[in-house]
């Protein structure tokens, strides 16, 4: 009979060699030069090769599903790498597998072939992936168009023409028709340019000012602004003959660069906020698009620094499976935080980051010396997304007014927390019926039964005054919460005035930080209304600023945080009586390598009456919430449409 190994044998076993970070194709790459970036692209693509279908038109990476059909998911896996492969080839880089993509393109668009992608419909996922094909046809027609047979060319042209005639979602999707048209134009295929003009005019409805866009007509300002709206606009500026719009897109991107740099920390991490974070280093695509369109929105050395530091930030993250395939997730494989539209091929939108490979070594972007980010003030207000940015060691923190996206899974966690971070990410909840076990990092959770809970999802009001934010929100129709957010770097202060007709329970969290195995590296200090936890890497602290709240240390369920698979968090808990109650909170987190003396003393209690006076006299609506402004933009755009006699979608008129 086989027995268990003795303790003495176990002590002499060699250490486990498995290191998830080593499965990351970027592991060990210095990512300092153009050559390093080209190597990164090839290394990331190589694990895909065994997964091509026999006819090379489809790429199926695993059995996970998205809301769209399997053929569209397989097309997604095939097409998305082209966002990086086309620039690589355009810049003279070698890639040995273009024959696969030619064959796949021919077979996927052939209705008689078993690997046909299926006919594109209205609002179809296939329309998204056609943008990558249009871009590739525009950039490298000699590799994926000119070698095709005439029959294959006819099929490709027919497929793209059918796709562009469909209706696209009222969002950044409107740019996809523009990308298709750039490819058709390059290949000498005639098409109805009025449809192009339609969408170019309609895209103007999303512009908010100062370089900021919404992604569509909802209250949403997130990473789709840099890696979609500006990215496609800069591609259009560089590749089209439309000099008027090209100048407009370049000017807006230069303005935007001055603000979006504050979403990136000194180590290259970017603010974890909003949806689609499984696209990971697509966030670096904006910096590469500036270079591609020759927009020196910041000094070239700073642009290059933001770009390369962000790629390096991902180098040690276990973001890939053991075969090197990028996972659905963020810092590690995590389906819990994914969107319903994430298939196994979705993460390869990250290849949009490789756009600068189209540029020669002599381009100012590549030739410049990499520079660190310019020093930032203690607090940087950003009115359009409704944020106040705090740069702390190895981190950027965003105090957030919150945005509306209730139709998304975990929409409240992704858009409506009070604070977001690049170093600590954010957490999603694993059980909506587990009030006592919820994470609530950067959130205030309220419960009237001790089991179910409510958090901020939408706002009645959202305004900014200098570097402070105020919102009014309703967790229930008869409960009102007013929240003020005040920077006190590296701390921030939250004030909640809660008016309720019945007793409630409350639970509020600070920053969730990575914890070690068996909690052996944790040092915990709890003193009445203050809780502080110290791990091998970070310190997180929360204080009730002298209130009657009870502090605790909580270890949430695993795989709830985007960056660390296991976390620990300080929290404050208290009962709220019927009537009006005011809660004061101060929170902060720092890496252990920083000067931790700033955490020894919480900031002073703010004067609420003075805050109210300031907001009464000098506040401005947060643009992302200003529905009056949205309606005004809509009226202006409708007038433009009438003047230019353009077709206007009936569904927009309903808004």
Foldseek 3Di string as FASTA:
>chain_A
DDDDDDPVVVVPDDDDPDALLVLALLAPQPLPALVSLLSSLCSLCVLQVVQQDPQLQFGADDDDAFPADPLLLRNLLSQLSLLQVLLLVLLPHDDDPLVSNLSNLLQCLDPVHPSPSDADAAQHSNLVSLLSVLQSLLRCVVRRPVVDDPVSNVSNLVRLQRSLPHHHPQFLSLLSNVSNVSNCVSVVHDHDCLSVVQSVLSQLLQDQDLLFGAGGLFLHGDLCSQLRVLLSQLVCLLRDPPVVSVVVSLVSLLSVVVPLVLQAAQQLFGWQFAADLLLQQSSLLNLLSCLSSVRCSDPLQASLQNLSSNVVVLSRQSQADSSNQGARFHSHHFPLRHWSRDDSSSNSNNSSSNNNSSPYCPRSNRVDHHDTHDDDPQWDADQQQAWIWGHDVPKIKTQHLFGADVVTVQQCFRTPARMIMRQQGTFGFDDQQCVPQGAQASWKWKADPNGHTFTFRHFPFWKDFDRKIWTWGDSDPQKIWIWIWADDPVKIKIKIKIAHQFKMKMKHWHGWDAADPPNPQWDWDFDQFKIWIDGPWKIKIKGQQPDRWGKDKHWHQASGGRNHRTTIIIMTIDMDGHGIDMTMMMIHMDTPVDPCPVVVDTDHDDDVVVVVVSCVPGIDGRNSPPVVVSVVSVVVSVVVCVVVVRDDDPVVVVD
